C-alpha cells in the first residue's frame, strides 16, 4: 500500500501541476461548462483511448497517457462544478481554483484508500484497456443519470462515478508509467 500511495501521489501531483499551469494560461474558463457539458469531453478522451488500444496505432501525436491526465483533471473540475452554486462567479482566482482542486482530490484519494483496502489492490492485476472500459462504463452511467435529471433509485450519483474515473485514470497512469 505504501508503494501505491507514493505512486498515486506522484501521478496526482503531475495532474495537478498541469491544472495549475492551464489555470494560469486560461483562468477558470472551464467554469462556463455545466457538469453535463464536462461529461462529453471526458467521453471523447476515453473513446480516443479505446480506439488507440483497439487499433494499436494513432494518427494524432499526443501521447495516449495524456488523455488519462485529462480524465483526472476534467473529472475533478466536474466535481468542483457540482459543489458550486449558480451564483458563484465564473472567474475564480488561481489560488481558489487550486484549493478547490485540492479539496476534491483529497476526497477522491480518501475514497481510493478505502476501496483499495477492501479490494486488495486488485487494479494492479488489471489491464489498462480494462480500466479504459470501466471509465467508459462510468461515463455512460453519468450520461444516463444526467438525462434523468440526476434522479437515481438505487445507484450512486454522478459524484461517485466522477471520483471512480479519477481513481481508474490514476491507476492506469501508474500501470503505464511505473514498473510493478
Protein backbone atom coordinates (compact mmCIF):
# COMPACT_ATOMS: atom_id res chain seq x y z
CA UNK A 1 0.00 0.00 0.00
CA UNK A 2 2.90 2.35 0.70
CA UNK A 3 4.10 1.96 -2.89
CA UNK A 4 0.59 2.69 -4.14
CA UNK A 5 0.35 5.87 -2.08
CA UNK A 6 3.72 7.07 -3.33
CA UNK A 7 2.87 6.37 -6.96
CA UNK A 8 -0.67 7.71 -6.62
CA UNK A 9 0.60 10.98 -5.15
CA UNK A 10 3.27 11.35 -7.85
CA UNK A 11 0.67 10.93 -10.59
CA UNK A 12 -1.86 13.18 -8.90
CA UNK A 13 0.78 15.88 -8.36
CA UNK A 14 1.67 15.70 -12.06
CA UNK A 15 -2.01 16.12 -12.99
CA UNK A 16 -2.32 19.00 -10.54
CA UNK A 17 0.76 20.72 -11.99
CA UNK A 18 -0.89 20.74 -15.42
CA UNK A 19 -4.15 22.05 -13.92
CA UNK A 20 -2.22 24.89 -12.22
CA UNK A 21 -0.41 25.82 -15.45
CA UNK A 22 -3.60 25.77 -17.50
CA UNK A 23 -5.35 27.89 -14.88
CA UNK A 24 -2.59 30.47 -15.26
CA UNK A 25 -3.00 30.37 -19.06
CA UNK A 26 -6.80 30.22 -19.32
CA UNK A 27 -8.12 31.28 -15.94
CA UNK A 28 -11.17 29.31 -14.91
CA UNK A 29 -12.86 29.39 -18.32
CA UNK A 30 -13.92 25.78 -17.64
CA UNK A 31 -16.38 27.19 -15.11
CA UNK A 32 -18.71 28.09 -18.01
CA UNK A 33 -19.39 24.37 -18.50
CA UNK A 34 -22.39 22.79 -16.90
CA UNK A 35 -21.38 19.48 -15.29
CA UNK A 36 -23.11 17.63 -18.14
CA UNK A 37 -21.01 19.60 -20.63
CA UNK A 38 -17.88 18.25 -18.96
CA UNK A 39 -19.10 14.68 -19.39
CA UNK A 40 -18.85 14.81 -23.17
CA UNK A 41 -15.15 15.82 -23.36
CA UNK A 42 -14.46 13.06 -20.84
CA UNK A 43 -16.29 10.61 -23.09
CA UNK A 44 -14.28 11.77 -26.11
CA UNK A 45 -10.98 11.29 -24.25
CA UNK A 46 -11.95 7.79 -23.12
CA UNK A 47 -13.19 6.84 -26.62
CA UNK A 48 -9.87 8.00 -28.10
CA UNK A 49 -8.02 5.78 -25.65
CA UNK A 50 -10.17 2.80 -26.53
CA UNK A 51 -9.76 3.39 -30.27
CA UNK A 52 -5.97 3.58 -29.96
CA UNK A 53 -5.94 0.46 -27.76
CA UNK A 54 -8.09 -1.47 -30.24
CA UNK A 55 -6.27 -0.35 -33.39
CA UNK A 56 -2.79 -0.38 -31.91
CA UNK A 57 -1.98 2.86 -33.71
CA UNK A 58 -2.77 6.53 -33.63
CA UNK A 59 -2.66 9.41 -36.12
CA UNK A 60 -2.55 12.33 -33.66
CA UNK A 61 0.84 12.69 -31.98
CA UNK A 62 -0.48 13.41 -28.46
CA UNK A 63 0.52 10.67 -26.06
CA UNK A 64 -2.44 8.45 -25.08
CA UNK A 65 -1.37 8.77 -21.43
CA UNK A 66 -2.17 12.48 -21.66
CA UNK A 67 -5.83 11.52 -22.10
CA UNK A 68 -5.76 9.85 -18.67
CA UNK A 69 -4.38 13.10 -17.22
CA UNK A 70 -7.24 14.93 -18.91
CA UNK A 71 -9.71 12.44 -17.45
CA UNK A 72 -8.34 13.16 -13.97
CA UNK A 73 -8.48 16.93 -14.36
CA UNK A 74 -11.85 17.15 -16.13
CA UNK A 75 -13.42 14.81 -13.57
CA UNK A 76 -12.09 16.93 -10.72
CA UNK A 77 -13.41 20.04 -12.48
CA UNK A 78 -16.81 18.36 -12.76
CA UNK A 79 -16.75 17.56 -9.05
CA UNK A 80 -15.90 21.20 -8.34
CA UNK A 81 -18.74 22.38 -10.57
CA UNK A 82 -21.20 20.13 -8.75
CA UNK A 83 -20.26 21.87 -5.48
CA UNK A 84 -20.57 25.42 -6.82
CA UNK A 85 -23.80 27.35 -6.73
CA UNK A 86 -25.18 29.03 -9.83
CA UNK A 87 -24.45 32.40 -8.20
CA UNK A 88 -20.72 31.77 -7.87
CA UNK A 89 -18.63 33.93 -10.18
CA UNK A 90 -17.30 32.11 -13.21
CA UNK A 91 -13.82 33.54 -12.78
CA UNK A 92 -12.07 32.28 -9.68
CA UNK A 93 -8.62 33.29 -8.56
CA UNK A 94 -5.92 30.75 -9.32
CA UNK A 95 -5.48 30.22 -5.59
CA UNK A 96 -9.17 29.48 -5.10
CA UNK A 97 -9.32 27.15 -8.11
CA UNK A 98 -6.26 25.26 -6.88
CA UNK A 99 -7.73 24.98 -3.37
CA UNK A 100 -10.98 23.59 -4.77
CA UNK A 101 -9.00 21.12 -6.89
CA UNK A 102 -7.06 20.01 -3.81
CA UNK A 103 -10.26 19.64 -1.78
CA UNK A 104 -11.85 17.34 -4.36
CA UNK A 105 -8.60 15.44 -4.97
CA UNK A 106 -8.30 14.78 -1.24
CA UNK A 107 -11.83 13.34 -1.10
CA UNK A 108 -11.14 11.13 -4.11
CA UNK A 109 -7.83 9.95 -2.62
CA UNK A 110 -9.61 9.01 0.61
CA UNK A 111 -12.13 7.01 -1.43
CA UNK A 112 -9.25 5.24 -3.16
CA UNK A 113 -7.71 4.32 0.18
CA UNK A 114 -10.98 2.82 1.44
CA UNK A 115 -11.68 0.90 -1.76
CA UNK A 116 -8.07 -0.20 -2.15
CA UNK A 117 -8.22 -1.64 1.36
CA UNK A 118 -11.38 -3.60 0.58
CA UNK A 119 -10.36 -4.74 -2.91
CA UNK A 120 -6.76 -5.56 -2.02
CA UNK A 121 -5.17 -3.61 -4.87
CA UNK A 122 -6.88 -5.79 -7.47
CA UNK A 123 -6.34 -3.00 -10.01
CA UNK A 124 -2.63 -3.87 -10.18
CA UNK A 125 -3.58 -7.11 -11.96
CA UNK A 126 -5.84 -5.36 -14.44
CA UNK A 127 -5.09 -4.35 -17.99
CA UNK A 128 -5.04 -0.66 -18.89
CA UNK A 129 -7.65 -1.45 -21.55
CA UNK A 130 -9.98 -2.78 -18.82
CA UNK A 131 -9.56 0.44 -16.86
CA UNK A 132 -10.46 2.35 -20.03
CA UNK A 133 -13.61 0.25 -20.39
CA UNK A 134 -14.54 0.85 -16.74
CA UNK A 135 -14.13 4.59 -17.33
CA UNK A 136 -16.37 4.42 -20.39
CA UNK A 137 -19.00 2.50 -18.41
CA UNK A 138 -18.89 5.15 -15.67
CA UNK A 139 -19.32 7.88 -18.28
CA UNK A 140 -22.32 6.13 -19.81
CA UNK A 141 -23.81 5.86 -16.32
CA UNK A 142 -23.20 9.57 -15.72
CA UNK A 143 -24.83 10.45 -19.04
CA UNK A 144 -27.86 8.34 -18.15
CA UNK A 145 -28.17 9.98 -14.73
CA UNK A 146 -27.83 13.42 -16.31
CA UNK A 147 -30.50 12.54 -18.88
CA UNK A 148 -32.73 11.53 -15.93
CA UNK A 149 -32.19 14.97 -14.32
CA UNK A 150 -29.99 13.44 -11.62
CA UNK A 151 -32.60 11.00 -10.38
CA UNK A 152 -31.40 7.58 -9.25
CA UNK A 153 -33.34 4.94 -7.37
CA UNK A 154 -30.60 2.63 -6.09
CA UNK A 155 -27.39 3.79 -7.72
CA UNK A 156 -24.67 6.18 -6.64
CA UNK A 157 -24.95 9.64 -8.15
CA UNK A 158 -22.66 11.30 -10.62
CA UNK A 159 -20.19 12.33 -7.90
CA UNK A 160 -19.22 8.74 -7.13
CA UNK A 161 -18.80 7.97 -10.80
CA UNK A 162 -16.57 11.01 -11.39
CA UNK A 163 -14.47 10.01 -8.36
CA UNK A 164 -14.09 6.49 -9.73
CA UNK A 165 -12.97 7.91 -13.10
CA UNK A 166 -10.24 9.90 -11.33
CA UNK A 167 -9.02 6.81 -9.49
CA UNK A 168 -9.19 4.48 -12.52
CA UNK A 169 -7.27 7.06 -14.57
CA UNK A 170 -4.59 7.40 -11.91
CA UNK A 171 -4.34 3.61 -11.68
CA UNK A 172 -3.89 3.44 -15.48
CA UNK A 173 -1.14 6.08 -15.31
CA UNK A 174 0.59 4.11 -12.57
CA UNK A 175 0.41 0.93 -14.65
CA UNK A 176 1.76 2.73 -17.73
CA UNK A 177 4.50 4.74 -16.02
CA UNK A 178 5.86 2.51 -13.25
CA UNK A 179 7.35 -0.92 -13.30
CA UNK A 180 5.27 -3.07 -10.98
